[in-house]
Amino acid sequence: MKIQLISACALALSLAAAQTVQPLAGILDRQGNRANMQQVNTLRSQKLQHDFSDETAEQRATRRQRAEAVKKGFQYAWAGYEKYAYGADEIDVLKMRPKTTRNGWGATLVDALDTLWVLGMKDEFARARDHVANINFRSDGGQLAKVFETNIRYVGGLLSAYELSKDRVFLHKAVELTDLLMPAFDTPLGLPWQMLNITTGQGSSETPGTTSTNLAEIGTFQMEFYRLSQLTGNATYHEAAQRAITSMLENNSPQDASSLYTIPGLYPLDFDMMSGRFTNSAAYWGGGGDSFYEYLIKTWILSDFMLHRNLDMWRESIQAFSNYAVAESTDGFLFPGFVDGTKFFPYVDTFTNFIPGTLGIASKLAGSATYFSLAEQLLEAGYSVFAKMPSSLGAEAVRFVRRNVGSDYLQLSAQERAQVDRYGIVLERPYYVLRPELIESLFVMYRLTGKQEYADRVWDIWQGIQRNCRVPNGYVGTANVAADASSTGILNTVDSTESFFFAETLKYVYLTFADHDVISLDSYVFTTEAHPLSRDLPFDGTFSSYAL
């Protein structure tokens, strides 16, 4: 893909950055080594996607029929948004009115730009483009900006829209917004504030009066900021994202007897921004930690396999995860869970369902049958949470009973034991709010393996969404996945339709059934918000010279 730099001025900035910052942060691993270029070149030529040339005409026809059905579902939801909330952050579907939840800049519209493009909805895309051109990011809607969410939804959405359409307005708006976010990184250790007053540049933690943050919220800038540095030639963005990782590493060591970080590669969730030290010992690959680990390996892929520290950290983390952070349930599924010191807690939320797809990609690149098998096992466990429910939808969080750990069952209440006896799990949070993570991993594993059963499972989940979440003017969550609307009607809804439903859930369902060269895994890598970024931009370790 040929992508132009913004201007000669930006190129000049990149040359200056290259002279003053050598090597770029993340190029060297923690031992000071660069990537082996022979291995890098092998990785660059390696194919990820399955060869689907053996697909039958009947399979192709069914797949395309399903893709068209999903597109109609998106069009139905988008029509409701256009009618009642166009340009707003979200639509309140049941009340038929707009909601301001992300500073009023139009989170749903920006987050969904690339989905509109992929679905071929070019008229709707053009209208959205004109709206984006007039967004005033300096007007914050009377809300503090959640820096992490602003990056993944807005900045990521704008970057992907630019790469797909080549329309510079999206890149200019991405730069404009990111520059407004940069004061969040102006802290003693470069660890970004969770919240930011866009008008004043004043940062704060989400919990007032504290300086706390979490793993995901310091580690989930790497992909977007790396790509922004590539497209502008300005290394400042990349360096800011990497400095946060450096600070975390420099201020915590499992060899430090006073540290709460005890298992190398399993980083605790919470830490203090001023000291850079972890404030508890609980490590988890679900909510609060998920996208940190995801971005370790995906930023490495996006960097043309040159950010060697990311690979170094991922290898350590996935080994620790497989050794300490998974356990088998009484019904034979391998689930992830919380690790606190040496203690394991059999609790798992739906955010962990990103792991199989991400691990599948990483293990295929590494040629590791062992880790690919782990990805498959984790996918079976994640899908079982959906498949066991009458609604075909999975709970936000569940607890499981470990094989040969009788205390897990004994400490449950009578009601919880009844759920385990019936479903094999406890429904800790029994609602489904249109989340994409399992669908994402099923899509990825389908593209990696060609196994039809993965695509069929996505279709089953889509049918569950159609039965239980489709209401007049759009889709909403369901409060109880243990009930199915086919027998009860839609009774208990969760009036929530976040922008990720348009950006992630619907995109991944559609791509499962689209032609296989549409957003190929050999050409794109997805951000945590499902924004595809091109893998076709070469990187030689600087942001100053490209064959663009």
Protein backbone atom coordinates (compact mmCIF):
# COMPACT_ATOMS: atom_id res chain seq x y z
CA MET A 1 0.00 0.00 0.00
CA LYS A 2 1.39 3.43 -0.98
CA ILE A 3 0.64 6.07 1.66
CA GLN A 4 1.85 9.64 1.37
CA LEU A 5 3.37 11.61 4.24
CA ILE A 6 1.42 14.66 5.29
CA SER A 7 3.93 17.19 3.93
CA ALA A 8 7.55 18.01 3.32
CA CYS A 9 7.47 19.74 6.70
CA ALA A 10 6.53 16.50 8.42
CA LEU A 11 9.37 14.75 6.61
CA ALA A 12 11.78 17.37 7.90
CA LEU A 13 10.52 16.73 11.42
CA SER A 14 11.13 13.01 10.98
CA LEU A 15 14.75 13.62 9.88
CA ALA A 16 15.37 15.74 12.97
CA ALA A 17 13.82 13.08 15.20
CA ALA A 18 15.99 10.38 13.65
CA GLN A 19 19.13 12.41 14.45
CA THR A 20 18.24 12.98 18.11
CA VAL A 21 16.59 9.71 19.07
CA GLN A 22 18.69 6.67 18.21
CA PRO A 23 17.68 3.97 18.43
CA LEU A 24 13.94 4.43 18.69
CA ALA A 25 12.35 3.13 21.89
CA GLY A 26 11.47 -0.53 21.65
CA ILE A 27 13.94 -1.37 18.88
CA LEU A 28 16.27 -3.05 21.36
CA ASP A 29 15.06 -5.84 23.61
CA ARG A 30 15.71 -5.70 27.35
CA GLN A 31 19.17 -7.21 26.85
CA GLY A 32 20.09 -4.53 24.30
CA ASN A 33 19.77 -6.74 21.23
CA ARG A 34 18.25 -5.83 17.89
CA ALA A 35 16.03 -8.13 15.87
CA ASN A 36 17.79 -10.73 13.74
CA MET A 37 17.22 -9.45 10.21
CA GLN A 38 17.29 -12.90 8.66
CA GLN A 39 14.42 -13.92 10.94
CA VAL A 40 12.64 -10.62 10.29
CA ASN A 41 12.79 -11.13 6.53
CA THR A 42 11.42 -14.65 6.93
CA LEU A 43 8.53 -13.32 8.99
CA ARG A 44 7.81 -10.61 6.43
CA SER A 45 7.28 -13.21 3.73
CA GLN A 46 5.22 -15.57 5.89
CA LYS A 47 1.52 -16.06 5.14
CA LEU A 48 -1.03 -16.20 7.94
CA GLN A 49 -4.32 -16.85 6.19
CA HIS A 50 -5.54 -20.28 5.21
CA ASP A 51 -5.72 -21.06 1.52
CA PHE A 52 -9.45 -21.12 0.85
CA SER A 53 -9.12 -22.27 -2.76
CA ASP A 54 -10.85 -25.55 -1.88
CA GLU A 55 -14.09 -23.77 -0.92
CA THR A 56 -17.01 -25.30 -2.77
CA ALA A 57 -19.56 -23.29 -4.76
CA GLU A 58 -22.21 -24.23 -2.19
CA GLN A 59 -20.05 -23.06 0.71
CA ARG A 60 -19.32 -19.80 -1.10
CA ALA A 61 -22.99 -19.15 -1.77
CA THR A 62 -23.94 -19.78 1.86
CA ARG A 63 -21.11 -17.60 3.12
CA ARG A 64 -22.11 -14.69 0.89
CA GLN A 65 -25.76 -15.00 1.85
CA ARG A 66 -24.73 -14.73 5.48
CA ALA A 67 -22.54 -11.71 4.76
CA GLU A 68 -25.47 -9.97 3.11
CA ALA A 69 -27.71 -10.76 6.08
CA VAL A 70 -25.17 -9.25 8.48
CA LYS A 71 -24.83 -6.17 6.29
CA LYS A 72 -28.59 -5.71 6.48
CA GLY A 73 -28.32 -5.93 10.26
CA PHE A 74 -25.73 -3.17 10.26
CA GLN A 75 -27.86 -1.05 7.93
CA TYR A 76 -30.82 -1.52 10.27
CA ALA A 77 -28.81 -0.34 13.28
CA TRP A 78 -27.24 2.52 11.34
CA ALA A 79 -30.64 3.74 10.16
CA GLY A 80 -31.71 4.08 13.79
CA TYR A 81 -28.53 5.97 14.61
CA GLU A 82 -28.98 8.25 11.59
CA LYS A 83 -32.59 8.98 12.49
CA TYR A 84 -32.26 9.65 16.21
CA ALA A 85 -28.63 10.32 17.07
CA TYR A 86 -26.52 11.12 14.01
CA GLY A 87 -23.24 12.69 15.03
CA ALA A 88 -23.76 11.82 18.70
CA ASP A 89 -21.54 9.48 20.69
CA GLU A 90 -24.24 6.84 21.04
CA ILE A 91 -27.88 6.18 20.40
CA ASP A 92 -30.21 5.41 23.27
CA VAL A 93 -32.18 2.92 21.20
CA LEU A 94 -35.13 2.39 23.52
CA LYS A 95 -35.63 6.07 24.27
CA MET A 96 -34.88 7.05 20.65
CA ARG A 97 -32.49 9.86 21.53
CA PRO A 98 -28.76 10.67 21.44
CA LYS A 99 -26.33 10.09 24.32
CA THR A 100 -23.16 12.01 25.09
CA THR A 101 -20.67 9.58 26.59
CA ARG A 102 -17.37 10.35 24.80
CA ASN A 103 -17.16 14.16 24.77
CA GLY A 104 -19.83 14.60 22.11
CA TRP A 105 -17.46 14.16 19.17
CA GLY A 106 -19.49 11.36 17.61
CA ALA A 107 -17.87 8.20 18.96
CA THR A 108 -20.20 5.85 17.09
CA LEU A 109 -19.73 7.70 13.80
CA VAL A 110 -15.91 7.82 14.03
CA ASP A 111 -15.59 4.30 15.42
CA ALA A 112 -17.74 2.94 12.58
CA LEU A 113 -16.00 4.72 9.68
CA ASP A 114 -13.98 1.72 8.56
CA THR A 115 -16.97 -0.60 8.97
CA LEU A 116 -18.95 1.63 6.60
CA TRP A 117 -16.07 1.42 4.13
CA VAL A 118 -15.65 -2.36 4.40
CA LEU A 119 -19.40 -2.91 3.93
CA GLY A 120 -19.33 -0.77 0.80
CA MET A 121 -21.66 1.88 2.25
CA LYS A 122 -19.87 4.66 0.40
CA ASP A 123 -22.70 7.22 0.53
CA GLU A 124 -22.95 6.87 4.29
CA PHE A 125 -19.14 7.01 4.50
CA ALA A 126 -19.05 10.24 2.50
CA ARG A 127 -21.64 11.85 4.75
CA ALA A 128 -19.68 10.75 7.82
CA ARG A 129 -16.48 12.14 6.29
CA ASP A 130 -18.06 15.58 5.99
CA HIS A 131 -19.18 15.39 9.61
CA VAL A 132 -15.68 14.40 10.77
CA ALA A 133 -14.17 17.36 8.92
CA ASN A 134 -16.18 19.71 11.13
CA ILE A 135 -15.63 18.08 14.53
CA ASN A 136 -14.30 20.59 17.07
CA PHE A 137 -12.13 18.49 19.38
CA ARG A 138 -11.47 21.53 21.59
CA SER A 139 -15.10 21.48 22.67
CA ASP A 140 -15.24 18.63 25.14
CA GLY A 141 -18.98 18.32 25.74
CA GLY A 142 -18.53 19.24 29.39
CA GLN A 143 -16.76 15.92 30.07
CA LEU A 144 -13.24 14.88 30.88
CA ALA A 145 -11.77 12.78 28.09
CA LYS A 146 -10.98 9.17 28.92
CA VAL A 147 -7.56 9.08 27.28
CA PHE A 148 -7.42 5.32 26.62
CA GLU A 149 -10.92 5.23 25.11
CA THR A 150 -10.34 8.37 23.07
CA ASN A 151 -7.28 6.78 21.54
CA ILE A 152 -8.77 3.41 20.63
CA ARG A 153 -12.15 4.68 19.42
CA TYR A 154 -11.39 8.05 17.87
CA VAL A 155 -7.70 8.05 16.92
CA GLY A 156 -7.78 4.42 15.80
CA GLY A 157 -10.97 4.97 13.83
CA LEU A 158 -9.56 8.01 12.06
CA LEU A 159 -6.28 6.29 11.18
CA SER A 160 -8.02 3.26 9.73
CA ALA A 161 -10.42 5.44 7.74
CA TYR A 162 -7.43 7.30 6.30
CA GLU A 163 -5.59 4.15 5.31
CA LEU A 164 -8.63 2.64 3.62
CA SER A 165 -9.87 5.76 1.84
CA LYS A 166 -6.65 7.80 1.43
CA ASP A 167 -8.66 10.88 2.40
CA ARG A 168 -6.29 13.19 4.25
CA VAL A 169 -9.00 14.78 6.34
CA PHE A 170 -8.98 11.71 8.57
CA LEU A 171 -5.22 11.85 9.10
CA HIS A 172 -5.32 15.56 9.85
CA LYS A 173 -8.08 15.02 12.41
CA ALA A 174 -6.14 12.12 13.98
CA VAL A 175 -3.10 14.38 14.40
CA GLU A 176 -5.25 17.21 15.75
CA LEU A 177 -6.86 15.01 18.39
CA THR A 178 -3.67 13.19 19.39
CA ASP A 179 -1.86 16.48 19.87
CA LEU A 180 -4.64 17.48 22.28
CA LEU A 181 -4.12 14.19 24.16
CA MET A 182 -0.35 14.56 24.51
CA PRO A 183 -0.50 16.62 27.75
CA ALA A 184 -1.78 13.44 29.43
CA PHE A 185 1.75 12.04 29.02
CA ASP A 186 3.37 15.08 30.60
CA THR A 187 3.96 13.36 33.94
CA PRO A 188 7.17 12.67 35.88
CA LEU A 189 7.51 9.15 34.47
CA GLY A 190 5.62 9.60 31.22
CA LEU A 191 2.77 7.42 32.44
CA PRO A 192 -0.43 8.86 30.97
CA TRP A 193 -3.24 10.19 33.08
CA GLN A 194 -6.48 8.25 32.73
CA MET A 195 -8.57 11.41 32.33
CA LEU A 196 -7.81 14.70 30.62
CA ASN A 197 -9.41 18.11 30.53
CA ILE A 198 -9.02 18.83 26.83
CA THR A 199 -9.50 22.56 27.34
CA THR A 200 -6.86 23.05 30.04
CA GLY A 201 -4.59 20.06 29.45
CA GLN A 202 -4.96 19.08 33.11
CA GLY A 203 -4.77 15.33 33.74
CA SER A 204 -6.22 13.25 36.55
CA SER A 205 -6.93 9.69 37.59
CA GLU A 206 -10.37 8.23 37.14
CA THR A 207 -10.61 7.92 40.92
CA PRO A 208 -10.52 11.54 42.15
CA GLY A 209 -7.71 12.45 44.48
CA THR A 210 -5.49 9.53 43.52
CA THR A 211 -2.65 8.93 41.08
CA SER A 212 -3.70 5.41 40.18
CA THR A 213 -3.90 3.82 36.77
CA ASN A 214 -3.93 0.32 35.28
CA LEU A 215 -1.99 -1.83 32.87
CA ALA A 216 -4.27 -1.51 29.85
CA GLU A 217 -4.48 2.25 30.18
CA ILE A 218 -0.71 2.75 29.91
CA GLY A 219 -0.01 0.07 27.30
CA THR A 220 -2.74 0.57 24.72
CA PHE A 221 -1.32 3.51 22.79
CA GLN A 222 1.47 1.65 21.04
CA MET A 223 -0.26 0.70 17.79
CA GLU A 224 -2.01 3.97 17.07
CA PHE A 225 0.94 6.14 18.12
CA TYR A 226 3.45 4.03 16.18
CA ARG A 227 1.38 4.34 13.03
CA LEU A 228 0.85 8.06 13.56
CA SER A 229 4.62 8.50 13.81
CA GLN A 230 5.03 6.60 10.55
CA LEU A 231 2.46 8.67 8.70
CA THR A 232 3.76 12.03 9.99
CA GLY A 233 7.46 11.30 10.33
CA ASN A 234 7.19 12.60 13.90
CA ALA A 235 8.62 10.13 16.40
CA THR A 236 7.12 12.00 19.37
CA TYR A 237 3.97 9.88 19.43
CA HIS A 238 5.78 6.55 19.30
CA GLU A 239 8.30 7.64 21.91
CA ALA A 240 5.52 8.70 24.30
CA ALA A 241 3.78 5.34 24.04
CA GLN A 242 7.02 3.43 24.52
CA ARG A 243 8.22 5.61 27.40
CA ALA A 244 5.24 4.43 29.43
CA ILE A 245 6.38 0.81 28.94
CA THR A 246 9.96 1.73 29.80
CA SER A 247 8.89 3.42 33.03
CA MET A 248 6.85 0.42 34.07
CA LEU A 249 9.82 -1.90 33.50
CA GLU A 250 12.37 0.37 35.17
CA ASN A 251 10.35 0.76 38.36
CA ASN A 252 9.31 -2.85 38.91
CA SER A 253 11.32 -6.04 39.09
CA PRO A 254 10.41 -9.55 40.28
CA GLN A 255 13.92 -9.70 41.76
CA ASP A 256 13.02 -6.84 44.12
CA ALA A 257 11.88 -8.38 47.40
CA SER A 258 9.65 -5.39 48.12
CA SER A 259 7.93 -5.50 44.74
CA LEU A 260 4.37 -6.77 44.25
CA TYR A 261 5.44 -7.95 40.79
CA THR A 262 6.46 -11.55 41.50
CA ILE A 263 6.03 -13.64 38.32
CA PRO A 264 8.09 -12.40 35.36
CA GLY A 265 5.75 -11.50 32.52
CA LEU A 266 2.54 -11.47 34.57
CA TYR A 267 2.23 -7.77 35.33
CA PRO A 268 -0.13 -6.68 38.14
CA LEU A 269 -3.12 -4.65 37.05
CA ASP A 270 -2.79 -1.49 39.14
CA PHE A 271 0.02 0.89 39.88
CA ASP A 272 0.77 4.42 41.00
CA MET A 273 1.67 6.93 38.30
CA MET A 274 4.02 8.98 40.42
CA SER A 275 6.20 6.14 41.68
CA GLY A 276 5.63 3.81 38.75
CA ARG A 277 5.27 0.96 41.25
CA PHE A 278 2.57 -1.68 41.19
CA THR A 279 0.09 -1.25 44.02
CA ASN A 280 -1.27 -4.80 44.15
CA SER A 281 -0.18 -8.24 43.04
CA ALA A 282 -3.24 -9.33 41.03
CA ALA A 283 -2.40 -10.14 37.41
CA TYR A 284 -5.08 -10.75 34.82
CA TRP A 285 -5.40 -10.93 31.04
CA GLY A 286 -9.03 -9.76 31.14
CA GLY A 287 -10.48 -6.31 31.87
CA GLY A 288 -7.80 -3.87 32.99
CA GLY A 289 -4.95 -5.89 31.48
CA ASP A 290 -6.18 -7.36 28.20
CA SER A 291 -5.08 -4.86 25.56
CA PHE A 292 -1.67 -4.35 27.18
CA TYR A 293 -0.73 -7.91 26.25
CA GLU A 294 -2.57 -7.67 22.94
CA TYR A 295 -0.54 -4.61 21.93
CA LEU A 296 2.78 -6.21 22.81
CA ILE A 297 2.50 -8.68 19.95
CA LYS A 298 0.35 -6.67 17.54
CA THR A 299 2.60 -3.60 17.65
CA TRP A 300 5.52 -5.91 16.90
CA ILE A 301 3.67 -7.19 13.83
CA LEU A 302 2.69 -3.66 12.79
CA SER A 303 6.32 -2.53 13.10
CA ASP A 304 7.37 -4.94 10.36
CA PHE A 305 8.72 -7.17 13.17
CA MET A 306 11.33 -4.59 14.21
CA LEU A 307 10.21 -3.60 17.75
CA HIS A 308 12.20 -6.34 19.40
CA ARG A 309 11.35 -5.40 22.99
CA ASN A 310 7.68 -6.09 22.31
CA LEU A 311 8.46 -9.61 21.12
CA ASP A 312 10.79 -10.15 24.07
CA MET A 313 8.09 -9.11 26.56
CA TRP A 314 5.36 -11.11 24.79
CA ARG A 315 7.41 -14.31 24.90
CA GLU A 316 7.95 -13.95 28.63
CA SER A 317 4.31 -13.07 29.25
CA ILE A 318 2.73 -15.86 27.23
CA GLN A 319 5.00 -18.42 28.88
CA ALA A 320 4.01 -17.15 32.32
CA PHE A 321 0.36 -17.08 31.29
CA SER A 322 0.43 -20.71 30.15
CA ASN A 323 2.25 -21.81 33.32
CA TYR A 324 0.28 -19.89 35.95
CA ALA A 325 -2.86 -18.24 34.59
CA VAL A 326 -4.97 -21.10 33.17
CA ALA A 327 -6.80 -23.99 34.81
CA GLU A 328 -9.04 -26.84 33.71
CA SER A 329 -12.69 -26.82 34.73
CA THR A 330 -14.61 -29.83 35.99
CA ASP A 331 -16.20 -30.20 32.56
CA GLY A 332 -12.86 -30.28 30.78
CA PHE A 333 -12.40 -26.72 29.48
CA LEU A 334 -9.20 -24.72 29.88
CA PHE A 335 -10.03 -21.25 31.20
CA PRO A 336 -7.86 -18.26 32.10
CA GLY A 337 -8.22 -16.69 35.52
CA PHE A 338 -6.84 -14.22 38.05
CA VAL A 339 -3.39 -14.78 39.53
CA ASP A 340 -2.59 -13.04 42.79
CA GLY A 341 0.91 -13.93 43.85
CA THR A 342 0.83 -17.71 43.70
CA LYS A 343 -2.95 -17.98 44.14
CA PHE A 344 -5.27 -18.68 41.22
CA PHE A 345 -8.88 -17.49 41.17
CA PRO A 346 -11.27 -19.22 38.72
CA TYR A 347 -12.96 -16.04 37.54
CA VAL A 348 -13.07 -15.05 33.88
CA ASP A 349 -14.71 -12.16 32.04
CA THR A 350 -15.56 -11.94 28.36
CA PHE A 351 -12.60 -9.64 27.65
CA THR A 352 -10.27 -12.65 27.91
CA ASN A 353 -11.83 -13.99 24.72
CA PHE A 354 -9.42 -11.82 22.74
CA ILE A 355 -6.63 -14.23 23.73
CA PRO A 356 -7.29 -17.16 21.33
CA GLY A 357 -7.25 -15.03 18.20
CA THR A 358 -4.21 -12.98 19.20
CA LEU A 359 -2.34 -16.07 20.39
CA GLY A 360 -3.33 -17.92 17.22
CA ILE A 361 -1.69 -15.24 15.08
CA ALA A 362 1.41 -15.07 17.27
CA SER A 363 1.87 -18.83 17.43
CA LYS A 364 1.39 -19.25 13.69
CA LEU A 365 4.08 -16.66 13.03
CA ALA A 366 6.34 -18.42 15.53
CA GLY A 367 5.55 -21.86 14.14
CA SER A 368 4.56 -23.05 17.61
CA ALA A 369 2.13 -25.97 17.55
CA THR A 370 2.08 -25.95 21.36
CA TYR A 371 0.84 -22.39 21.67
CA PHE A 372 -1.53 -22.78 18.74
CA SER A 373 -3.07 -25.72 20.58
CA LEU A 374 -3.40 -23.51 23.66
CA ALA A 375 -5.23 -20.93 21.53
CA GLU A 376 -7.63 -23.61 20.30
CA GLN A 377 -8.29 -24.86 23.83
CA LEU A 378 -8.98 -21.36 25.13
CA LEU A 379 -11.33 -20.77 22.21
CA GLU A 380 -13.30 -23.91 23.08
CA ALA A 381 -13.63 -22.72 26.66
CA GLY A 382 -14.73 -19.24 25.65
CA TYR A 383 -17.27 -20.58 23.19
CA SER A 384 -18.67 -23.03 25.75
CA VAL A 385 -19.87 -20.05 27.82
CA PHE A 386 -21.98 -18.97 24.85
CA ALA A 387 -23.00 -22.42 23.59
CA LYS A 388 -24.40 -23.55 26.95
CA MET A 389 -26.83 -20.65 27.13
CA PRO A 390 -30.33 -20.87 25.62
CA SER A 391 -29.76 -17.43 24.10
CA SER A 392 -26.51 -18.51 22.35
CA LEU A 393 -24.91 -15.49 24.06
CA GLY A 394 -22.28 -15.43 26.76
CA ALA A 395 -22.32 -13.77 30.16
CA GLU A 396 -20.11 -10.76 30.84
CA ALA A 397 -18.28 -12.77 33.52
CA VAL A 398 -18.41 -16.29 34.93
CA ARG A 399 -16.79 -18.35 37.63
CA PHE A 400 -15.81 -21.95 37.05
CA VAL A 401 -14.98 -24.89 39.28
CA ARG A 402 -11.50 -26.32 38.82
CA ARG A 403 -10.96 -29.99 38.32
CA ASN A 404 -9.77 -31.64 41.55
CA VAL A 405 -10.25 -28.46 43.62
CA GLY A 406 -13.27 -29.33 45.70
CA SER A 407 -13.22 -26.09 47.67
CA ASP A 408 -14.26 -24.18 44.53
CA TYR A 409 -17.62 -25.93 44.62
CA LEU A 410 -18.06 -26.10 48.38
CA GLN A 411 -17.75 -22.35 48.86
CA LEU A 412 -20.59 -21.64 46.40
CA SER A 413 -24.10 -20.75 47.49
CA ALA A 414 -26.95 -23.16 46.78
CA GLN A 415 -28.04 -21.04 43.80
CA GLU A 416 -24.52 -20.97 42.41
CA ARG A 417 -24.15 -24.72 42.81
CA ALA A 418 -27.38 -25.17 40.87
CA GLN A 419 -25.90 -23.11 38.01
CA VAL A 420 -22.73 -25.18 38.04
CA ASP A 421 -24.76 -28.40 38.02
CA ARG A 422 -26.74 -27.14 35.03
CA TYR A 423 -24.19 -25.14 33.02
CA GLY A 424 -20.79 -26.00 34.47
CA ILE A 425 -20.27 -22.32 35.39
CA VAL A 426 -21.60 -19.62 37.69
CA LEU A 427 -23.05 -16.61 35.90
CA GLU A 428 -21.31 -13.86 37.85
CA ARG A 429 -22.58 -11.13 35.52
CA PRO A 430 -25.33 -12.73 33.48
CA TYR A 431 -25.81 -9.97 30.90
CA TYR A 432 -24.56 -9.60 27.35
CA VAL A 433 -23.99 -6.07 26.03
CA LEU A 434 -23.09 -6.76 22.39
CA ARG A 435 -19.40 -7.36 23.07
CA PRO A 436 -17.13 -8.61 20.25
CA GLU A 437 -14.20 -10.49 21.81
CA LEU A 438 -15.30 -14.09 21.22
CA ILE A 439 -16.55 -13.27 17.72
CA GLU A 440 -13.16 -11.67 17.03
CA SER A 441 -11.27 -14.81 17.99
CA LEU A 442 -13.62 -17.09 16.07
CA PHE A 443 -13.16 -14.90 12.99
CA VAL A 444 -9.38 -14.88 13.32
CA MET A 445 -9.14 -18.63 13.90
CA TYR A 446 -11.43 -19.24 10.93
CA ARG A 447 -9.17 -17.13 8.71
CA LEU A 448 -6.08 -18.91 10.10
CA THR A 449 -7.36 -22.50 9.81
CA GLY A 450 -10.25 -22.52 7.35
CA LYS A 451 -12.29 -24.59 9.81
CA GLN A 452 -15.95 -24.10 8.93
CA GLU A 453 -17.06 -24.81 12.49
CA TYR A 454 -15.60 -21.48 13.60
CA ALA A 455 -17.62 -19.56 11.02
CA ASP A 456 -20.74 -21.54 11.93
CA ARG A 457 -20.28 -20.57 15.56
CA VAL A 458 -20.14 -16.90 14.61
CA TRP A 459 -23.39 -17.39 12.74
CA ASP A 460 -25.00 -19.03 15.78
CA ILE A 461 -23.98 -16.06 17.94
CA TRP A 462 -25.33 -13.66 15.32
CA GLN A 463 -28.63 -15.50 15.40
CA GLY A 464 -28.62 -15.15 19.19
CA ILE A 465 -28.10 -11.40 18.81
CA GLN A 466 -30.95 -11.24 16.30
CA ARG A 467 -33.34 -13.07 18.62
CA ASN A 468 -32.42 -11.38 21.88
CA CYS A 469 -31.01 -7.96 21.10
CA ARG A 470 -32.80 -6.62 18.01
CA VAL A 471 -35.51 -4.10 18.92
CA PRO A 472 -37.16 -1.25 17.03
CA ASN A 473 -34.46 1.14 15.72
CA GLY A 474 -31.44 -0.98 16.58
CA TYR A 475 -29.85 -3.42 19.00
CA VAL A 476 -29.47 -3.42 22.79
CA GLY A 477 -28.00 -5.74 25.39
CA THR A 478 -29.84 -8.53 27.13
CA ALA A 479 -29.93 -8.77 30.92
CA ASN A 480 -30.02 -12.56 31.20
CA VAL A 481 -28.28 -14.86 28.76
CA ALA A 482 -29.91 -17.86 30.45
CA ALA A 483 -33.25 -16.87 28.89
CA ASP A 484 -33.98 -16.89 25.18
CA ALA A 485 -36.43 -14.52 23.52
CA SER A 486 -37.66 -17.22 21.15
CA SER A 487 -39.66 -18.63 24.05
CA THR A 488 -40.15 -15.62 26.33
CA GLY A 489 -39.99 -12.62 24.00
CA ILE A 490 -37.53 -9.80 24.66
CA LEU A 491 -38.19 -9.00 28.31
CA ASN A 492 -35.13 -7.71 30.14
CA THR A 493 -32.92 -5.48 28.07
CA VAL A 494 -29.81 -3.48 28.86
CA ASP A 495 -30.26 -0.16 27.11
CA SER A 496 -26.67 0.07 25.94
CA THR A 497 -25.43 0.30 22.36
CA GLU A 498 -21.81 1.38 22.61
CA SER A 499 -19.79 2.40 19.58
CA PHE A 500 -17.88 -0.90 19.66
CA PHE A 501 -21.01 -2.69 18.43
CA PHE A 502 -20.64 -0.86 15.11
CA ALA A 503 -16.85 -0.82 15.10
CA GLU A 504 -16.08 -4.34 16.31
CA THR A 505 -18.98 -6.72 16.73
CA LEU A 506 -20.70 -6.10 13.42
CA LYS A 507 -17.40 -5.78 11.56
CA TYR A 508 -16.06 -9.12 12.79
CA VAL A 509 -19.35 -10.92 12.10
CA TYR A 510 -19.44 -9.48 8.58
CA LEU A 511 -15.78 -10.24 7.82
CA THR A 512 -16.26 -13.86 8.85
CA PHE A 513 -18.56 -14.25 5.84
CA ALA A 514 -17.07 -11.70 3.45
CA ASP A 515 -14.71 -12.82 0.72
CA HIS A 516 -11.50 -13.95 2.34
CA ASP A 517 -9.31 -11.29 0.73
CA VAL A 518 -11.36 -8.52 2.34
CA ILE A 519 -9.10 -7.16 5.11
CA SER A 520 -6.78 -10.17 4.86
CA LEU A 521 -4.74 -11.02 7.93
CA ASP A 522 -1.73 -11.05 5.60
CA SER A 523 -2.27 -7.36 4.85
CA TYR A 524 -3.76 -5.91 8.04
CA VAL A 525 -3.53 -6.14 11.80
CA PHE A 526 -6.49 -5.11 13.95
CA THR A 527 -6.28 -2.74 16.87
CA THR A 528 -8.10 -3.60 20.08
CA GLU A 529 -11.09 -1.65 18.71
CA ALA A 530 -11.05 -3.69 15.46
CA HIS A 531 -9.57 -0.93 13.35
CA PRO A 532 -7.50 -2.57 10.59
CA LEU A 533 -4.08 -0.97 10.06
CA SER A 534 -2.00 -1.85 7.04
CA ARG A 535 0.98 -4.18 7.38
CA ASP A 536 2.36 -2.89 4.07
CA LEU A 537 4.30 0.11 5.40
CA PRO A 538 7.99 -0.82 5.59
CA PHE A 539 9.99 0.07 8.68
CA ASP A 540 13.78 0.10 8.95
CA GLY A 541 13.99 1.26 12.55
CA THR A 542 13.51 4.98 11.90
CA PHE A 543 10.66 7.24 10.88
CA SER A 544 12.79 9.11 8.35
CA SER A 545 13.06 7.00 5.21
CA TYR A 546 10.42 4.91 3.50
CA ALA A 547 9.70 3.32 0.15
CA LEU A 548 6.19 4.79 0.28
